[in-house]
Amino acid sequence: MKKIVFCVARGKPEYAEMALGLARSLRLIGDTTPRAILTDIEGVDWSRYFDVVVRPTGPRSCLDKLTALDYLDADQVLSLDVDMLAFKRLDDIFAAAAGHPLAVQGYQQHEEMWHGRPVADVIQRYDLPGVFPRFNGGLIYYERGDQWNQLLATARAAEADYNSLGFATFRGGAASEEVCLLHAMLSVGPYHLLPMESQFQHSMAGAVSRLEIDILQNRCQGTCKTWKLEFAQPYLFHAWRYKDFRLYWDQLRALRIAEEKADLRPRDFLPRWKGLQRSIERRWIKNVRRYR
């Protein structure tokens, strides 16, 4: 089966920088899954970072991330928000989700609010057994087939009649992809809920310890409380809580600068000062060995 990672960057130039950060981080850790992007942002060398570049032909939709199979010759799609950074290769995510028409990471919730609506109301509306699957749409897996087609059609119908669902709007009155997808999941199914313990994605929100995030050292860890208190070392750091903090943008900058330096240097580059250091230390090692 053909796998692909699919992202969407439309509108503001900052989304391009985020998408490049995700792609650079995937390249840095050696993930070989083909990547595709749906974008209307010009002036970016997209083909350097993505195997397929798709230009949108219609208006924006909250479900743009779910349209990869409309454009691409793929069977398995891992759709990722662009405000992510990869710290582990994605093979385990594909393996855990394979065989399901739809998979998202989440947990069963029975209280509090979700998209401006009490969870109890959601449970009652869909006649659920006391809980509903709360998930984050930053990571969505789907597979080609009739079941996925039905799920997508139901989600699109929900977007077209969004106000009837009774949830809060998103970003200036737009529909929420999570709400539309939840409606499809609960109305027609089937779907698979990837456990939160997998930490395939993590926002690192609710920190109760110092967060250690250094993309060039491949380090992302800290103790957080999102759904519960846990030590987090995610595959993908989902920066939706940190997009207005330097913590995230410093990582994008570090990736860009490292790439710019690498572009100017030959393979196995050794700085002049390192050559001098090597000469001095080599003599020291020889003297130490001589007097043993």
C-alpha atoms as a PDB file:
ATOM      1  CA  MET A   1       0.000   0.000   0.000  1.00  0.00           C
ATOM      2  CA  LYS A   2       1.246   3.475  -0.868  1.00  0.00           C
ATOM      3  CA  LYS A   3       1.768   5.764   2.109  1.00  0.00           C
ATOM      4  CA  ILE A   4       1.975   9.546   2.148  1.00  0.00           C
ATOM      5  CA  VAL A   5       2.194  12.404   4.651  1.00  0.00           C
ATOM      6  CA  PHE A   6      -0.185  15.206   3.718  1.00  0.00           C
ATOM      7  CA  CYS A   7      -0.154  18.821   4.907  1.00  0.00           C
ATOM      8  CA  VAL A   8      -2.075  21.978   4.075  1.00  0.00           C
ATOM      9  CA  ALA A   9      -0.606  25.499   4.063  1.00  0.00           C
ATOM     10  CA  ARG A  10      -3.017  28.104   2.727  1.00  0.00           C
ATOM     11  CA  GLY A  11      -3.218  31.832   3.280  1.00  0.00           C
ATOM     12  CA  LYS A  12      -0.677  33.447   5.580  1.00  0.00           C
ATOM     13  CA  PRO A  13       3.068  33.171   4.832  1.00  0.00           C
ATOM     14  CA  GLU A  14       3.661  31.984   8.402  1.00  0.00           C
ATOM     15  CA  TYR A  15       1.981  28.705   7.490  1.00  0.00           C
ATOM     16  CA  ALA A  16       4.677  28.183   4.870  1.00  0.00           C
ATOM     17  CA  GLU A  17       7.404  28.584   7.484  1.00  0.00           C
ATOM     18  CA  MET A  18       5.616  26.094   9.736  1.00  0.00           C
ATOM     19  CA  ALA A  19       5.253  23.561   6.916  1.00  0.00           C
ATOM     20  CA  LEU A  20       8.934  23.904   6.044  1.00  0.00           C
ATOM     21  CA  GLY A  21       9.802  23.326   9.696  1.00  0.00           C
ATOM     22  CA  LEU A  22       7.838  20.088   9.758  1.00  0.00           C
ATOM     23  CA  ALA A  23       9.379  18.904   6.497  1.00  0.00           C
ATOM     24  CA  ARG A  24      12.890  19.829   7.628  1.00  0.00           C
ATOM     25  CA  SER A  25      12.433  17.970  10.897  1.00  0.00           C
ATOM     26  CA  LEU A  26      11.235  14.857   9.047  1.00  0.00           C
ATOM     27  CA  ARG A  27      14.254  15.020   6.759  1.00  0.00           C
ATOM     28  CA  LEU A  28      16.560  15.534   9.722  1.00  0.00           C
ATOM     29  CA  ILE A  29      15.499  12.288  11.425  1.00  0.00           C
ATOM     30  CA  GLY A  30      15.556  10.336   8.177  1.00  0.00           C
ATOM     31  CA  ASP A  31      11.849   9.688   7.719  1.00  0.00           C
ATOM     32  CA  THR A  32      11.405   8.387   4.182  1.00  0.00           C
ATOM     33  CA  THR A  33       7.612   8.568   3.876  1.00  0.00           C
ATOM     34  CA  PRO A  34       6.703  10.577   0.754  1.00  0.00           C
ATOM     35  CA  ARG A  35       5.328  14.015   1.580  1.00  0.00           C
ATOM     36  CA  ALA A  36       2.670  16.096  -0.188  1.00  0.00           C
ATOM     37  CA  ILE A  37       1.382  19.592   0.458  1.00  0.00           C
ATOM     38  CA  LEU A  38      -1.725  21.457  -0.613  1.00  0.00           C
ATOM     39  CA  THR A  39      -0.809  25.143  -0.776  1.00  0.00           C
ATOM     40  CA  ASP A  40      -1.611  28.447  -2.425  1.00  0.00           C
ATOM     41  CA  ILE A  41       1.465  30.219  -1.021  1.00  0.00           C
ATOM     42  CA  GLU A  42       3.870  31.375  -3.715  1.00  0.00           C
ATOM     43  CA  GLY A  43       7.589  32.108  -3.595  1.00  0.00           C
ATOM     44  CA  VAL A  44       8.575  28.931  -1.717  1.00  0.00           C
ATOM     45  CA  ASP A  45      10.741  26.123  -3.090  1.00  0.00           C
ATOM     46  CA  TRP A  46       8.140  23.557  -2.093  1.00  0.00           C
ATOM     47  CA  SER A  47       9.560  20.815  -4.317  1.00  0.00           C
ATOM     48  CA  ARG A  48      12.734  20.708  -2.238  1.00  0.00           C
ATOM     49  CA  TYR A  49      10.787  19.538   0.797  1.00  0.00           C
ATOM     50  CA  PHE A  50       7.702  17.806  -0.612  1.00  0.00           C
ATOM     51  CA  ASP A  51       7.467  15.089  -3.214  1.00  0.00           C
ATOM     52  CA  VAL A  52       4.110  16.352  -4.480  1.00  0.00           C
ATOM     53  CA  VAL A  53       2.876  19.951  -4.511  1.00  0.00           C
ATOM     54  CA  VAL A  54      -0.862  20.411  -5.074  1.00  0.00           C
ATOM     55  CA  ARG A  55      -2.471  23.746  -5.880  1.00  0.00           C
ATOM     56  CA  PRO A  56      -6.057  24.171  -4.618  1.00  0.00           C
ATOM     57  CA  THR A  57      -8.772  24.695  -7.177  1.00  0.00           C
ATOM     58  CA  GLY A  58     -11.617  25.700  -4.870  1.00  0.00           C
ATOM     59  CA  PRO A  59     -12.340  27.803  -1.784  1.00  0.00           C
ATOM     60  CA  ARG A  60     -10.847  26.938   1.569  1.00  0.00           C
ATOM     61  CA  SER A  61     -12.562  24.307   3.661  1.00  0.00           C
ATOM     62  CA  CYS A  62     -12.014  23.156   7.208  1.00  0.00           C
ATOM     63  CA  LEU A  63     -11.749  19.678   5.701  1.00  0.00           C
ATOM     64  CA  ASP A  64      -8.869  20.456   3.318  1.00  0.00           C
ATOM     65  CA  LYS A  65      -6.652  18.058   5.291  1.00  0.00           C
ATOM     66  CA  LEU A  66      -9.013  15.212   4.463  1.00  0.00           C
ATOM     67  CA  THR A  67      -8.841  15.617   0.683  1.00  0.00           C
ATOM     68  CA  ALA A  68      -5.476  14.001  -0.087  1.00  0.00           C
ATOM     69  CA  LEU A  69      -7.055  11.094  -1.941  1.00  0.00           C
ATOM     70  CA  ASP A  70      -8.768  13.548  -4.294  1.00  0.00           C
ATOM     71  CA  TYR A  71      -5.338  14.505  -5.616  1.00  0.00           C
ATOM     72  CA  LEU A  72      -2.872  11.738  -4.862  1.00  0.00           C
ATOM     73  CA  ASP A  73      -2.151   8.175  -5.848  1.00  0.00           C
ATOM     74  CA  ALA A  74      -1.979   6.841  -2.294  1.00  0.00           C
ATOM     75  CA  ASP A  75      -3.750   4.296  -0.124  1.00  0.00           C
ATOM     76  CA  GLN A  76      -2.736   5.407   3.384  1.00  0.00           C
ATOM     77  CA  VAL A  77      -2.654   9.068   4.379  1.00  0.00           C
ATOM     78  CA  LEU A  78      -1.231  10.587   7.532  1.00  0.00           C
ATOM     79  CA  SER A  79      -2.556  14.148   7.561  1.00  0.00           C
ATOM     80  CA  LEU A  80      -0.620  16.457   9.869  1.00  0.00           C
ATOM     81  CA  ASP A  81      -1.063  20.057  10.953  1.00  0.00           C
ATOM     82  CA  VAL A  82       1.874  22.139   9.781  1.00  0.00           C
ATOM     83  CA  ASP A  83       2.619  23.412  13.305  1.00  0.00           C
ATOM     84  CA  MET A  84       4.321  20.137  14.186  1.00  0.00           C
ATOM     85  CA  LEU A  85       7.929  19.055  14.578  1.00  0.00           C
ATOM     86  CA  ALA A  86       8.993  15.432  14.206  1.00  0.00           C
ATOM     87  CA  PHE A  87      11.285  13.771  16.730  1.00  0.00           C
ATOM     88  CA  LYS A  88      10.705  10.150  15.699  1.00  0.00           C
ATOM     89  CA  ARG A  89      10.057   8.478  12.353  1.00  0.00           C
ATOM     90  CA  LEU A  90       6.451   7.906  11.401  1.00  0.00           C
ATOM     91  CA  ASP A  91       6.471   4.159  10.630  1.00  0.00           C
ATOM     92  CA  ASP A  92       4.965   3.237  14.010  1.00  0.00           C
ATOM     93  CA  ILE A  93       2.015   5.563  13.431  1.00  0.00           C
ATOM     94  CA  PHE A  94       1.214   3.995  10.072  1.00  0.00           C
ATOM     95  CA  ALA A  95       1.565   0.527  11.586  1.00  0.00           C
ATOM     96  CA  ALA A  96      -0.778   1.319  14.490  1.00  0.00           C
ATOM     97  CA  ALA A  97      -3.461   2.828  12.245  1.00  0.00           C
ATOM     98  CA  ALA A  98      -3.228   0.450   9.273  1.00  0.00           C
ATOM     99  CA  GLY A  99      -6.409  -1.388   8.385  1.00  0.00           C
ATOM    100  CA  HIS A 100      -8.750   1.320   9.679  1.00  0.00           C
ATOM    101  CA  PRO A 101     -10.594   3.738   7.389  1.00  0.00           C
ATOM    102  CA  LEU A 102     -10.004   6.486   9.976  1.00  0.00           C
ATOM    103  CA  ALA A 103      -7.775   6.773  13.035  1.00  0.00           C
ATOM    104  CA  VAL A 104      -7.215   9.669  15.422  1.00  0.00           C
ATOM    105  CA  GLN A 105      -5.419   9.925  18.754  1.00  0.00           C
ATOM    106  CA  GLY A 106      -7.660  10.522  21.735  1.00  0.00           C
ATOM    107  CA  TYR A 107      -9.442   9.236  24.794  1.00  0.00           C
ATOM    108  CA  GLN A 108     -12.958   8.675  26.092  1.00  0.00           C
ATOM    109  CA  GLN A 109     -14.351  11.706  27.909  1.00  0.00           C
ATOM    110  CA  HIS A 110     -17.506  12.033  29.980  1.00  0.00           C
ATOM    111  CA  GLU A 111     -17.447  15.582  31.375  1.00  0.00           C
ATOM    112  CA  GLU A 112     -16.307  19.197  30.816  1.00  0.00           C
ATOM    113  CA  MET A 113     -16.742  21.096  27.532  1.00  0.00           C
ATOM    114  CA  TRP A 114     -15.792  20.405  23.930  1.00  0.00           C
ATOM    115  CA  HIS A 115     -15.860  23.124  21.264  1.00  0.00           C
ATOM    116  CA  GLY A 116     -18.178  25.278  23.359  1.00  0.00           C
ATOM    117  CA  ARG A 117     -20.671  22.535  24.129  1.00  0.00           C
ATOM    118  CA  PRO A 118     -21.061  20.438  27.299  1.00  0.00           C
ATOM    119  CA  VAL A 119     -19.828  16.905  26.773  1.00  0.00           C
ATOM    120  CA  ALA A 120     -23.064  15.641  28.342  1.00  0.00           C
ATOM    121  CA  ASP A 121     -24.982  17.256  25.460  1.00  0.00           C
ATOM    122  CA  VAL A 122     -22.775  15.532  22.902  1.00  0.00           C
ATOM    123  CA  ILE A 123     -23.333  12.187  24.601  1.00  0.00           C
ATOM    124  CA  GLN A 124     -27.084  12.732  24.632  1.00  0.00           C
ATOM    125  CA  ARG A 125     -27.304  13.922  21.014  1.00  0.00           C
ATOM    126  CA  TYR A 126     -25.529  10.856  19.641  1.00  0.00           C
ATOM    127  CA  ASP A 127     -26.992   8.435  22.187  1.00  0.00           C
ATOM    128  CA  LEU A 128     -23.556   7.355  23.435  1.00  0.00           C
ATOM    129  CA  PRO A 129     -22.906   5.041  26.406  1.00  0.00           C
ATOM    130  CA  GLY A 130     -21.726   7.736  28.818  1.00  0.00           C
ATOM    131  CA  VAL A 131     -18.531   8.812  27.011  1.00  0.00           C
ATOM    132  CA  PHE A 132     -17.422  10.175  23.656  1.00  0.00           C
ATOM    133  CA  PRO A 133     -14.069  10.081  21.807  1.00  0.00           C
ATOM    134  CA  ARG A 134     -12.249  13.345  22.436  1.00  0.00           C
ATOM    135  CA  PHE A 135      -9.389  13.799  19.990  1.00  0.00           C
ATOM    136  CA  ASN A 136      -7.106  16.409  18.470  1.00  0.00           C
ATOM    137  CA  GLY A 137      -7.364  16.821  14.703  1.00  0.00           C
ATOM    138  CA  GLY A 138      -3.698  17.681  14.290  1.00  0.00           C
ATOM    139  CA  LEU A 139      -3.047  14.057  13.367  1.00  0.00           C
ATOM    140  CA  ILE A 140      -5.588  12.228  11.199  1.00  0.00           C
ATOM    141  CA  TYR A 141      -5.005   8.920   9.441  1.00  0.00           C
ATOM    142  CA  TYR A 142      -7.272   7.656   6.688  1.00  0.00           C
ATOM    143  CA  GLU A 143      -7.303   4.888   4.067  1.00  0.00           C
ATOM    144  CA  ARG A 144      -8.752   4.713   0.598  1.00  0.00           C
ATOM    145  CA  GLY A 145     -12.014   2.748   0.409  1.00  0.00           C
ATOM    146  CA  ASP A 146     -15.784   2.910   0.555  1.00  0.00           C
ATOM    147  CA  GLN A 147     -15.871   3.367   4.335  1.00  0.00           C
ATOM    148  CA  TRP A 148     -13.600   6.410   4.169  1.00  0.00           C
ATOM    149  CA  ASN A 149     -15.649   7.833   1.286  1.00  0.00           C
ATOM    150  CA  GLN A 150     -18.774   7.606   3.427  1.00  0.00           C
ATOM    151  CA  LEU A 151     -17.053   9.223   6.408  1.00  0.00           C
ATOM    152  CA  LEU A 152     -15.758  12.085   4.275  1.00  0.00           C
ATOM    153  CA  ALA A 153     -19.133  12.651   2.611  1.00  0.00           C
ATOM    154  CA  THR A 154     -20.794  12.850   6.032  1.00  0.00           C
ATOM    155  CA  ALA A 155     -18.161  15.288   7.299  1.00  0.00           C
ATOM    156  CA  ARG A 156     -18.657  17.475   4.235  1.00  0.00           C
ATOM    157  CA  ALA A 157     -22.407  17.511   4.796  1.00  0.00           C
ATOM    158  CA  ALA A 158     -21.767  18.561   8.402  1.00  0.00           C
ATOM    159  CA  GLU A 159     -19.586  21.453   7.260  1.00  0.00           C
ATOM    160  CA  ALA A 160     -22.308  22.624   4.855  1.00  0.00           C
ATOM    161  CA  ASP A 161     -24.883  22.643   7.674  1.00  0.00           C
ATOM    162  CA  TYR A 162     -22.516  23.410  10.533  1.00  0.00           C
ATOM    163  CA  ASN A 163     -24.800  25.668  12.589  1.00  0.00           C
ATOM    164  CA  SER A 164     -27.273  22.834  13.057  1.00  0.00           C
ATOM    165  CA  LEU A 165     -24.677  20.866  15.009  1.00  0.00           C
ATOM    166  CA  GLY A 166     -24.712  23.319  17.906  1.00  0.00           C
ATOM    167  CA  PHE A 167     -20.964  23.727  18.379  1.00  0.00           C
ATOM    168  CA  ALA A 168     -18.853  26.866  18.536  1.00  0.00           C
ATOM    169  CA  THR A 169     -17.371  28.226  15.316  1.00  0.00           C
ATOM    170  CA  PHE A 170     -13.639  28.330  14.738  1.00  0.00           C
ATOM    171  CA  ARG A 171     -11.337  31.135  13.591  1.00  0.00           C
ATOM    172  CA  GLY A 172     -13.605  33.918  12.491  1.00  0.00           C
ATOM    173  CA  GLY A 173     -16.801  31.957  12.102  1.00  0.00           C
ATOM    174  CA  ALA A 174     -15.439  28.936  10.230  1.00  0.00           C
ATOM    175  CA  ALA A 175     -16.524  25.393  10.917  1.00  0.00           C
ATOM    176  CA  SER A 176     -14.276  23.129  12.973  1.00  0.00           C
ATOM    177  CA  GLU A 177     -12.757  20.114  11.267  1.00  0.00           C
ATOM    178  CA  GLU A 178     -12.841  18.216  14.561  1.00  0.00           C
ATOM    179  CA  VAL A 179     -16.573  18.776  14.998  1.00  0.00           C
ATOM    180  CA  CYS A 180     -17.346  17.763  11.402  1.00  0.00           C
ATOM    181  CA  LEU A 181     -15.172  14.687  11.689  1.00  0.00           C
ATOM    182  CA  LEU A 182     -16.651  13.734  15.072  1.00  0.00           C
ATOM    183  CA  HIS A 183     -20.124  13.968  13.577  1.00  0.00           C
ATOM    184  CA  ALA A 184     -19.062  11.570  10.815  1.00  0.00           C
ATOM    185  CA  MET A 185     -17.400   9.212  13.283  1.00  0.00           C
ATOM    186  CA  LEU A 186     -20.458   9.008  15.508  1.00  0.00           C
ATOM    187  CA  SER A 187     -23.016   9.011  12.704  1.00  0.00           C
ATOM    188  CA  VAL A 188     -21.588   6.443  10.299  1.00  0.00           C
ATOM    189  CA  GLY A 189     -18.203   5.189  11.581  1.00  0.00           C
ATOM    190  CA  PRO A 190     -16.139   3.133  11.794  1.00  0.00           C
ATOM    191  CA  TYR A 191     -13.049   4.696  13.330  1.00  0.00           C
ATOM    192  CA  HIS A 192     -10.096   3.730  15.491  1.00  0.00           C
ATOM    193  CA  LEU A 193      -8.955   5.693  18.546  1.00  0.00           C
ATOM    194  CA  LEU A 194      -5.176   5.627  18.895  1.00  0.00           C
ATOM    195  CA  PRO A 195      -4.344   5.639  22.631  1.00  0.00           C
ATOM    196  CA  MET A 196      -2.958   8.785  24.185  1.00  0.00           C
ATOM    197  CA  GLU A 197      -0.180   6.685  25.719  1.00  0.00           C
ATOM    198  CA  SER A 198       1.242   6.187  22.234  1.00  0.00           C
ATOM    199  CA  GLN A 199       2.261   9.869  22.271  1.00  0.00           C
ATOM    200  CA  PHE A 200       2.209   9.944  18.492  1.00  0.00           C
ATOM    201  CA  GLN A 201       1.407  13.634  18.915  1.00  0.00           C
ATOM    202  CA  HIS A 202       1.645  15.779  22.024  1.00  0.00           C
ATOM    203  CA  SER A 203       1.103  19.491  22.629  1.00  0.00           C
ATOM    204  CA  MET A 204       3.357  19.530  25.724  1.00  0.00           C
ATOM    205  CA  ALA A 205       0.702  21.752  27.355  1.00  0.00           C
ATOM    206  CA  GLY A 206       0.108  21.871  31.090  1.00  0.00           C
ATOM    207  CA  ALA A 207       3.833  21.647  31.866  1.00  0.00           C
ATOM    208  CA  VAL A 208       4.732  20.904  35.487  1.00  0.00           C
ATOM    209  CA  SER A 209       8.442  20.623  34.789  1.00  0.00           C
ATOM    210  CA  ARG A 210      10.903  22.381  32.519  1.00  0.00           C
ATOM    211  CA  LEU A 211      10.287  21.513  28.893  1.00  0.00           C
ATOM    212  CA  GLU A 212      13.373  20.436  27.004  1.00  0.00           C
ATOM    213  CA  ILE A 213      12.807  21.061  23.304  1.00  0.00           C
ATOM    214  CA  ASP A 214      15.840  21.172  21.004  1.00  0.00           C
ATOM    215  CA  ILE A 215      15.172  20.042  17.453  1.00  0.00           C
ATOM    216  CA  LEU A 216      18.849  19.827  16.464  1.00  0.00           C
ATOM    217  CA  GLN A 217      19.569  17.555  19.435  1.00  0.00           C
ATOM    218  CA  ASN A 218      16.408  15.544  18.766  1.00  0.00           C
ATOM    219  CA  ARG A 219      15.171  16.211  22.277  1.00  0.00           C
ATOM    220  CA  CYS A 220      11.571  16.899  23.235  1.00  0.00           C
ATOM    221  CA  GLN A 221      10.575  15.913  26.740  1.00  0.00           C
ATOM    222  CA  GLY A 222       8.943  17.116  29.920  1.00  0.00           C
ATOM    223  CA  THR A 223       6.301  16.269  32.501  1.00  0.00           C
ATOM    224  CA  CYS A 224       2.897  17.619  31.504  1.00  0.00           C
ATOM    225  CA  LYS A 225      -0.753  17.330  32.321  1.00  0.00           C
ATOM    226  CA  THR A 226      -2.947  17.328  29.237  1.00  0.00           C
ATOM    227  CA  TRP A 227      -5.312  14.417  29.651  1.00  0.00           C
ATOM    228  CA  LYS A 228      -3.379  13.157  32.695  1.00  0.00           C
ATOM    229  CA  LEU A 229      -0.007  13.728  34.362  1.00  0.00           C
ATOM    230  CA  GLU A 230       2.663  12.036  32.286  1.00  0.00           C
ATOM    231  CA  PHE A 231       6.257  12.223  31.151  1.00  0.00           C
ATOM    232  CA  ALA A 232       6.101  13.102  27.473  1.00  0.00           C
ATOM    233  CA  GLN A 233       8.561  12.169  24.727  1.00  0.00           C
ATOM    234  CA  PRO A 234       6.357  12.409  21.632  1.00  0.00           C
ATOM    235  CA  TYR A 235       6.860  11.357  18.044  1.00  0.00           C
ATOM    236  CA  LEU A 236       5.430  14.717  16.966  1.00  0.00           C
ATOM    237  CA  PHE A 237       5.442  17.918  18.984  1.00  0.00           C
ATOM    238  CA  HIS A 238       2.200  19.704  18.123  1.00  0.00           C
ATOM    239  CA  ALA A 239       2.895  23.363  18.787  1.00  0.00           C
ATOM    240  CA  TRP A 240      -0.655  24.705  18.722  1.00  0.00           C
ATOM    241  CA  ARG A 241      -0.227  25.870  22.341  1.00  0.00           C
ATOM    242  CA  TYR A 242       3.170  27.413  21.605  1.00  0.00           C
ATOM    243  CA  LYS A 243       2.686  29.226  18.292  1.00  0.00           C
ATOM    244  CA  ASP A 244       2.834  32.581  20.112  1.00  0.00           C
ATOM    245  CA  PHE A 245       5.978  31.695  22.063  1.00  0.00           C
ATOM    246  CA  ARG A 246       9.623  31.888  21.025  1.00  0.00           C
ATOM    247  CA  LEU A 247      10.088  28.274  22.103  1.00  0.00           C
ATOM    248  CA  TYR A 248       8.519  27.063  18.858  1.00  0.00           C
ATOM    249  CA  TRP A 249       9.789  29.705  16.461  1.00  0.00           C
ATOM    250  CA  ASP A 250      13.349  29.302  17.755  1.00  0.00           C
ATOM    251  CA  GLN A 251      13.193  25.668  16.642  1.00  0.00           C
ATOM    252  CA  LEU A 252      12.075  26.661  13.143  1.00  0.00           C
ATOM    253  CA  ARG A 253      14.897  29.187  12.981  1.00  0.00           C
ATOM    254  CA  ALA A 254      17.457  26.604  14.160  1.00  0.00           C
ATOM    255  CA  LEU A 255      16.354  24.201  11.421  1.00  0.00           C
ATOM    256  CA  ARG A 256      16.590  26.901   8.766  1.00  0.00           C
ATOM    257  CA  ILE A 257      20.040  28.108   9.862  1.00  0.00           C
ATOM    258  CA  ALA A 258      21.403  24.566  10.080  1.00  0.00           C
ATOM    259  CA  GLU A 259      20.189  23.909   6.541  1.00  0.00           C
ATOM    260  CA  GLU A 260      21.710  27.146   5.243  1.00  0.00           C
ATOM    261  CA  LYS A 261      25.081  26.241   6.768  1.00  0.00           C
ATOM    262  CA  ALA A 262      24.922  22.738   5.332  1.00  0.00           C
ATOM    263  CA  ASP A 263      24.173  24.139   1.868  1.00  0.00           C
ATOM    264  CA  LEU A 264      27.436  26.091   1.951  1.00  0.00           C
ATOM    265  CA  ARG A 265      29.634  23.224   3.141  1.00  0.00           C
ATOM    266  CA  PRO A 266      30.962  20.130   1.404  1.00  0.00           C
ATOM    267  CA  ARG A 267      30.264  16.672   2.758  1.00  0.00           C
ATOM    268  CA  ASP A 268      32.305  15.743   5.871  1.00  0.00           C
ATOM    269  CA  PHE A 269      33.258  19.386   6.311  1.00  0.00           C
ATOM    270  CA  LEU A 270      35.888  20.069   9.005  1.00  0.00           C
ATOM    271  CA  PRO A 271      36.332  23.683  10.203  1.00  0.00           C
ATOM    272  CA  ARG A 272      39.875  25.060  10.174  1.00  0.00           C
ATOM    273  CA  TRP A 273      39.934  25.409  13.949  1.00  0.00           C
ATOM    274  CA  LYS A 274      38.919  21.766  14.263  1.00  0.00           C
ATOM    275  CA  GLY A 275      41.850  20.794  12.049  1.00  0.00           C
ATOM    276  CA  LEU A 276      44.208  22.693  14.341  1.00  0.00           C
ATOM    277  CA  GLN A 277      42.626  21.082  17.408  1.00  0.00           C
ATOM    278  CA  ARG A 278      43.036  17.661  15.850  1.00  0.00           C
ATOM    279  CA  SER A 279      46.736  18.304  15.166  1.00  0.00           C
ATOM    280  CA  ILE A 280      47.389  19.387  18.754  1.00  0.00           C
ATOM    281  CA  GLU A 281      45.458  16.562  20.343  1.00  0.00           C
ATOM    282  CA  ARG A 282      47.015  13.959  18.058  1.00  0.00           C
ATOM    283  CA  ARG A 283      50.475  14.999  19.291  1.00  0.00           C
ATOM    284  CA  TRP A 284      49.255  14.875  22.884  1.00  0.00           C
ATOM    285  CA  ILE A 285      47.886  11.345  22.383  1.00  0.00           C
ATOM    286  CA  LYS A 286      51.188  10.182  20.890  1.00  0.00           C
ATOM    287  CA  ASN A 287      53.135  11.573  23.873  1.00  0.00           C
ATOM    288  CA  VAL A 288      50.789   9.960  26.380  1.00  0.00           C
ATOM    289  CA  ARG A 289      51.171   6.609  24.690  1.00  0.00           C
ATOM    290  CA  ARG A 290      54.971   6.971  24.539  1.00  0.00           C
ATOM    291  CA  TYR A 291      55.318   7.350  28.305  1.00  0.00           C
ATOM    292  CA  ARG A 292      52.892   4.649  29.388  1.00  0.00           C
END
